[in-house]
Amino acid sequence: PSEAPYKIDIIEDSVAVFLYIIGDYKSFCESILLRDAHKDIEPYDGLIHTLPILPDLKSFMEQIVTYCERQKVQRDISDIKQQKLTVLLSSFYSRDQLHYLLSPLYAFGESFYGKVIKMGYQLLSPNDMANELNMSRPTFFRHFKKAFNQSPKNWLLQQKAIKLAVALTTTEESLVNITYHLKFSSQQRMTTFCKAYLGATPLGIRTGKVQIKHIPNH
């Protein structure tokens, strides 16, 4: 009825924080579920399960948000914070709660998509990926196209660009070492790649003279 009072619900601002797992998914799960408890994880049921935000975890998340806002997130800090997160989860939540939380992560890690993500972290070539999955090259390319909606070559170039951006902006690793770790044939080749995908030279990005806005889909 028109005379009925309106009720207005006030929704507080919220922030979503995405965890970029350092290492592989199985090791991350095993670091939370001690010993062999991860083996009892039920198959993923396709549902989204959440955890109650306990005071210690809330304090931890607020600290992470502050680091992000002040652009203080660096590789060493990320390593330490991920370790702290595993301690918080394993200390304050029951095994059943953690099973619900980690089952989709386990399912992801065992899926075609998850396995490719892991191999992309290692910058394996499309042929090496196909061999690791015991697939022929045509079969691998067909599954890849369906899962990622692009060719393995383009996807791997994007992953390489992301890793280069992270190395230049969050570490003090030398350009020589970055060239080696990201499997560039030479530092000049890395510079050319950096200009094409990140819009500037490695030095320009590292010194902050040029801000990376996006990584194009070549």
Foldseek 3Di string as FASTA:
>chain_A
DVPDDDDDDDDDDDDDDDQDDDAALVVLLCLQVDDPLLVPQDAQPPDDADDDCDPVNVVLVVVVVVCVVVVVDAPVVSVVSSNVVSVVNNPPDDSVSSSNVSNVSVVLCPDLNNVVVNVLVQLDDLVVSCVVVVHDSVVSQVVCCVVPVDGPVLVSLLSLLVVLLNCLARHPDDLVVNCVSSVPPDSVSVQVSCCVFQVHGSVCSNVPVDDRDHGDRD
